[in-house]
Protein backbone atom coordinates (compact mmCIF):
# COMPACT_ATOMS: atom_id res chain seq x y z
CA UNK A 1 40.14 -0.42 18.50
CA UNK A 2 42.00 1.55 15.84
CA UNK A 3 39.85 -0.09 13.15
CA UNK A 4 36.67 0.89 15.02
CA UNK A 5 37.91 4.46 15.35
CA UNK A 6 38.64 4.66 11.62
CA UNK A 7 35.26 3.15 10.75
CA UNK A 8 33.48 5.52 13.16
CA UNK A 9 35.15 8.47 11.48
CA UNK A 10 34.10 7.13 8.06
CA UNK A 11 30.48 6.72 9.20
CA UNK A 12 30.46 10.25 10.63
CA UNK A 13 31.78 11.66 7.35
CA UNK A 14 29.19 9.75 5.32
CA UNK A 15 26.33 10.88 7.58
CA UNK A 16 27.35 14.52 7.23
CA UNK A 17 27.43 14.06 3.46
CA UNK A 18 23.72 13.24 3.13
CA UNK A 19 22.20 16.23 1.39
CA UNK A 20 18.55 15.89 2.40
CA UNK A 21 16.80 16.29 5.71
CA UNK A 22 14.88 13.23 6.81
CA UNK A 23 11.97 12.69 9.20
CA UNK A 24 12.39 10.32 12.13
CA UNK A 25 11.30 6.77 11.24
CA UNK A 26 10.36 6.14 14.88
CA UNK A 27 8.15 9.25 15.01
CA UNK A 28 6.67 8.43 11.60
CA UNK A 29 5.71 4.92 12.70
CA UNK A 30 4.14 6.33 15.88
CA UNK A 31 2.19 8.89 13.81
CA UNK A 32 0.81 6.11 11.59
CA UNK A 33 -0.38 4.04 14.56
CA UNK A 34 -1.84 7.03 16.40
CA UNK A 35 -3.79 8.09 13.31
CA UNK A 36 -5.17 4.60 12.76
CA UNK A 37 -6.19 4.29 16.41
CA UNK A 38 -8.02 7.60 16.52
CA UNK A 39 -9.76 6.93 13.19
CA UNK A 40 -10.76 3.45 14.38
CA UNK A 41 -10.93 3.49 18.20
CA UNK A 42 -12.18 -0.10 18.30
CA UNK A 43 -8.57 -1.12 17.64
CA UNK A 44 -7.86 0.19 21.15
CA UNK A 45 -10.84 -1.70 22.59
CA UNK A 46 -12.45 1.49 23.80
CA UNK A 47 -15.08 4.07 23.02
CA UNK A 48 -14.11 7.73 22.92
CA UNK A 49 -16.33 10.81 22.96
CA UNK A 50 -16.22 13.78 20.63
CA UNK A 51 -14.00 15.92 22.87
CA UNK A 52 -11.45 13.14 23.31
CA UNK A 53 -11.37 12.50 19.57
CA UNK A 54 -10.74 16.19 18.92
CA UNK A 55 -7.95 16.20 21.50
CA UNK A 56 -6.29 13.15 19.93
CA UNK A 57 -6.59 14.60 16.42
CA UNK A 58 -4.90 17.77 17.64
CA UNK A 59 -2.09 15.65 19.06
CA UNK A 60 -1.71 13.91 15.70
CA UNK A 61 -1.62 17.33 14.02
CA UNK A 62 1.29 18.32 16.24
CA UNK A 63 3.07 15.04 15.44
CA UNK A 64 2.66 15.66 11.71
CA UNK A 65 3.82 19.25 12.05
CA UNK A 66 6.93 18.02 13.84
CA UNK A 67 7.65 15.52 11.06
CA UNK A 68 7.15 18.18 8.40
CA UNK A 69 9.39 20.60 10.29
CA UNK A 70 12.26 18.17 9.78
CA UNK A 71 11.62 18.59 6.02
CA UNK A 72 11.01 22.35 6.18
CA UNK A 73 13.57 23.18 3.48
CA UNK A 74 12.18 20.57 1.06
CA UNK A 75 8.40 21.03 1.27
CA UNK A 76 6.20 23.39 -0.83
CA UNK A 77 4.89 25.40 2.11
CA UNK A 78 5.24 25.73 5.84
CA UNK A 79 4.70 22.74 8.19
CA UNK A 80 1.65 24.57 9.58
CA UNK A 81 0.10 25.09 6.13
CA UNK A 82 0.64 21.49 5.02
CA UNK A 83 -0.63 20.06 8.31
CA UNK A 84 -3.80 22.13 8.00
CA UNK A 85 -4.26 20.96 4.41
CA UNK A 86 -3.74 17.31 5.39
CA UNK A 87 -6.32 17.53 8.16
CA UNK A 88 -8.76 19.23 5.80
CA UNK A 89 -8.48 16.35 3.32
CA UNK A 90 -8.54 13.60 5.95
CA UNK A 91 -12.39 13.39 6.26
CA UNK A 92 -12.76 12.49 2.57
CA UNK A 93 -10.01 9.87 2.88
CA UNK A 94 -11.73 8.47 5.97
CA UNK A 95 -15.00 8.09 4.04
CA UNK A 96 -13.08 6.11 1.41
CA UNK A 97 -11.61 3.88 4.14
CA UNK A 98 -15.10 3.17 5.45
CA UNK A 99 -16.29 2.35 1.92
CA UNK A 100 -13.34 -0.04 1.59
CA UNK A 101 -14.23 -1.77 4.88
CA UNK A 102 -17.94 -2.01 4.06
CA UNK A 103 -17.18 -3.51 0.65
CA UNK A 104 -14.83 -6.12 2.11
CA UNK A 105 -17.35 -7.09 4.78
CA UNK A 106 -20.13 -7.33 2.20
CA UNK A 107 -18.35 -9.50 -0.34
CA UNK A 108 -15.87 -11.62 1.61
CA UNK A 109 -17.61 -14.77 2.90
CA UNK A 110 -14.91 -15.13 5.56
CA UNK A 111 -15.86 -11.79 7.13
CA UNK A 112 -18.61 -11.64 9.74
CA UNK A 113 -18.79 -7.83 10.09
CA UNK A 114 -17.05 -4.55 9.31
CA UNK A 115 -15.44 -4.53 12.76
CA UNK A 116 -13.63 -7.76 11.90
CA UNK A 117 -12.26 -6.14 8.75
CA UNK A 118 -10.96 -3.13 10.66
CA UNK A 119 -9.42 -5.24 13.43
CA UNK A 120 -8.02 -8.22 11.56
CA UNK A 121 -7.53 -7.58 7.84
CA UNK A 122 -3.97 -6.57 6.87
CA UNK A 123 -5.24 -5.51 3.45
CA UNK A 124 -7.59 -2.96 4.98
CA UNK A 125 -4.89 -1.66 7.33
CA UNK A 126 -2.53 -1.15 4.39
CA UNK A 127 -5.19 0.60 2.30
CA UNK A 128 -6.09 2.92 5.18
CA UNK A 129 -2.49 4.04 5.68
CA UNK A 130 -2.04 4.35 1.90
CA UNK A 131 -4.96 6.79 1.73
CA UNK A 132 -3.26 9.04 4.29
CA UNK A 133 0.18 8.73 2.68
CA UNK A 134 -1.34 9.51 -0.72
CA UNK A 135 -2.57 12.88 0.56
CA UNK A 136 0.98 13.80 1.56
CA UNK A 137 2.35 12.48 -1.75
CA UNK A 138 -0.07 14.67 -3.69
CA UNK A 139 1.07 17.62 -1.58
CA UNK A 140 4.62 16.87 -2.83
CA UNK A 141 5.95 16.04 0.62
CA UNK A 142 9.19 14.08 0.11
CA UNK A 143 10.22 10.90 1.95
CA UNK A 144 7.49 10.91 4.62
CA UNK A 145 4.81 9.12 2.52
CA UNK A 146 7.35 6.46 1.51
CA UNK A 147 8.45 5.90 5.10
CA UNK A 148 4.80 5.51 6.13
CA UNK A 149 4.18 2.90 3.46
CA UNK A 150 7.43 1.06 4.16
CA UNK A 151 6.36 0.73 7.80
CA UNK A 152 3.12 -0.88 6.62
CA UNK A 153 5.03 -3.02 4.12
CA UNK A 154 7.08 -4.46 6.96
CA UNK A 155 3.96 -5.28 8.96
CA UNK A 156 1.79 -6.74 6.18
CA UNK A 157 4.05 -7.82 3.31
CA UNK A 158 2.03 -5.50 1.02
CA UNK A 159 4.07 -2.93 -0.92
CA UNK A 160 1.99 -0.01 -2.22
CA UNK A 161 3.71 3.13 -3.47
CA UNK A 162 1.93 6.22 -2.09
CA UNK A 163 1.83 7.70 -5.57
CA UNK A 164 -0.49 5.02 -6.97
CA UNK A 165 -4.04 6.18 -7.71
CA UNK A 166 -6.52 3.81 -6.09
CA UNK A 167 -10.27 4.47 -6.17
CA UNK A 168 -12.67 3.32 -3.49
CA UNK A 169 -13.90 0.76 -2.67
CA UNK A 170 -10.79 -1.40 -3.02
CA UNK A 171 -10.28 -4.92 -1.67
CA UNK A 172 -6.98 -6.64 -0.95
CA UNK A 173 -7.59 -10.26 0.05
CA UNK A 174 -4.84 -11.93 2.12
CA UNK A 175 -2.31 -9.54 0.62
CA UNK A 176 1.14 -10.98 1.26
CA UNK A 177 3.52 -10.25 -1.62
CA UNK A 178 1.36 -7.68 -3.42
CA UNK A 179 3.32 -4.92 -5.20
CA UNK A 180 1.61 -1.81 -6.63
CA UNK A 181 3.90 0.67 -8.38
CA UNK A 182 3.97 4.45 -8.26
CA UNK A 183 2.06 5.21 -11.47
CA UNK A 184 -0.47 2.37 -11.26
CA UNK A 185 -4.12 3.41 -11.53
CA UNK A 186 -6.88 1.26 -10.02
CA UNK A 187 -10.60 1.83 -10.51
CA UNK A 188 -13.56 1.14 -8.25
CA UNK A 189 -14.55 -2.28 -6.90
CA UNK A 190 -11.24 -3.91 -7.77
CA UNK A 191 -10.21 -7.04 -5.86
CA UNK A 192 -6.59 -8.20 -5.70
CA UNK A 193 -5.26 -11.40 -4.15
CA UNK A 194 -1.86 -12.25 -2.69
CA UNK A 195 1.28 -12.21 -4.82
CA UNK A 196 -0.06 -9.83 -7.49
CA UNK A 197 2.38 -7.39 -9.08
CA UNK A 198 1.36 -4.21 -10.90
CA UNK A 199 4.80 -3.25 -12.15
CA UNK A 200 6.90 -1.66 -14.86
CA UNK A 201 8.18 -3.38 -17.99
CA UNK A 202 11.59 -1.74 -17.71
CA UNK A 203 13.36 0.02 -14.87
CA UNK A 204 15.30 3.03 -16.11
CA UNK A 205 15.96 6.29 -14.25
CA UNK A 206 14.98 8.47 -17.19
CA UNK A 207 11.44 7.01 -16.98
CA UNK A 208 10.87 8.54 -13.54
CA UNK A 209 8.31 11.05 -14.79
CA UNK A 210 6.47 8.71 -17.16
CA UNK A 211 3.60 6.30 -16.57
CA UNK A 212 5.34 2.98 -16.00
CA UNK A 213 2.67 0.87 -14.33
CA UNK A 214 -0.65 -0.54 -15.57
CA UNK A 215 -4.19 0.78 -15.35
CA UNK A 216 -6.85 -1.48 -13.83
CA UNK A 217 -10.39 -0.39 -14.65
CA UNK A 218 -13.53 -0.85 -12.51
CA UNK A 219 -14.82 -4.22 -11.25
CA UNK A 220 -11.67 -6.22 -12.07
CA UNK A 221 -10.62 -9.29 -10.09
CA UNK A 222 -6.94 -10.30 -10.16
CA UNK A 223 -6.18 -13.70 -8.67
CA UNK A 224 -3.08 -14.82 -6.80
CA UNK A 225 0.37 -14.69 -8.34
CA UNK A 226 -0.52 -12.66 -11.43
CA UNK A 227 1.92 -10.13 -12.89
CA UNK A 228 0.71 -7.17 -14.96
CA UNK A 229 3.37 -4.87 -16.38
CA UNK A 230 3.69 -1.67 -18.39
CA UNK A 231 2.36 1.87 -18.37
CA UNK A 232 0.37 1.30 -21.57
CA UNK A 233 -1.24 -1.88 -20.28
CA UNK A 234 -4.94 -1.44 -19.48
CA UNK A 235 -7.07 -4.18 -17.96
CA UNK A 236 -10.59 -3.44 -19.14
CA UNK A 237 -13.48 -3.17 -16.71
CA UNK A 238 -15.30 -6.28 -15.47
CA UNK A 239 -12.38 -8.54 -16.35
CA UNK A 240 -11.25 -11.59 -14.39
CA UNK A 241 -7.51 -12.28 -14.41
CA UNK A 242 -6.70 -15.84 -13.44
CA UNK A 243 -3.87 -16.85 -11.13
CA UNK A 244 -0.21 -16.95 -12.20
CA UNK A 245 -0.79 -15.05 -15.44
CA UNK A 246 1.81 -12.80 -17.09
CA UNK A 247 0.31 -9.79 -18.89
CA UNK A 248 2.16 -7.07 -20.79
CA UNK A 249 -0.60 -6.02 -23.23
CA UNK A 250 -4.01 -4.45 -22.76
CA UNK A 251 -7.08 -6.62 -22.21
CA UNK A 252 -10.57 -5.72 -23.43
CA UNK A 253 -13.44 -5.23 -20.94
CA UNK A 254 -15.44 -8.31 -19.86
CA UNK A 255 -12.52 -10.65 -20.55
CA UNK A 256 -11.42 -13.77 -18.73
CA UNK A 257 -7.64 -14.15 -18.77
CA UNK A 258 -6.12 -17.42 -17.64
CA UNK A 259 -3.02 -19.52 -18.07
CA UNK A 260 -3.56 -22.86 -19.75
CA UNK A 261 -1.92 -25.74 -17.99
CA UNK A 262 -2.57 -29.41 -17.54
CA UNK A 263 -2.96 -31.11 -14.19
CA UNK A 264 -2.64 -34.91 -14.31
CA UNK A 265 -4.20 -37.10 -11.63
CA UNK A 266 -3.11 -40.75 -11.63
CA UNK A 267 -3.89 -43.72 -9.46
CA UNK A 268 -1.13 -44.10 -6.90
CA UNK A 269 -0.79 -47.80 -7.75
CA UNK A 270 0.31 -46.94 -11.28
CA UNK A 271 2.77 -44.24 -10.19
CA UNK A 272 6.31 -45.63 -10.35
CA UNK A 273 8.31 -42.48 -9.55
CA UNK A 274 9.61 -42.12 -5.99
CA UNK A 275 7.21 -40.42 -3.59
CA UNK A 276 9.77 -39.37 -0.99
CA UNK A 277 11.09 -36.24 -2.73
CA UNK A 278 13.89 -34.36 -1.06
CA UNK A 279 14.13 -30.57 -1.44
């Protein structure tokens, strides 16, 4: 018991030593879900009228104001001012979300309709929350946008920094393992598959205010497992990047980038190596 008492005292001292206010993760997660459900009521399996939507949006405004109040000494304005600004910018972000969903439904042969995209595509869910978090990031709200995106990361396996600049429409297919860094820039009609990384070449603290992540121009497709690194790296428009490629230099528009490898197919009768591999 003495050890627990000593450790409890140590934890209390450490907690008091944190210098920055933080919003509640539980309340942040609830805010994310409530916003998604009021923007897309079909996720709740119900239809809502105009008055009910207004009421729910007002509730979300109060939730955001509460979260911002916990950061009141760290934000560039009052919680009321920033909440009003967020809600004013939300309609444009919503239009981008709809464009994202329409594009996915139009071009993905596995999708039967836009409703399926909204209900069942983790990539769309992550993009939608990113577009809200990005508004707060641009308003220089600390911590809250990151907590929002980390909540989504845990649910989808997709890690998008809220500072990334992503045009609409944008399509994440499957999505698991995708990483998009803070200073990445992505143009219109870009499609990214699972396991893609848009990262930095080096990780040094003094590079915090520099462009560290690549630029992806319009109409680019990046297939699974590809890694594109560096703030000076630009993937030109209308380029196709094949799977499992490693890119640290710019690529001209209308390129096809792929990794050369050789796949050998032999008749099983002529294959003498053991076929009961143990891992």
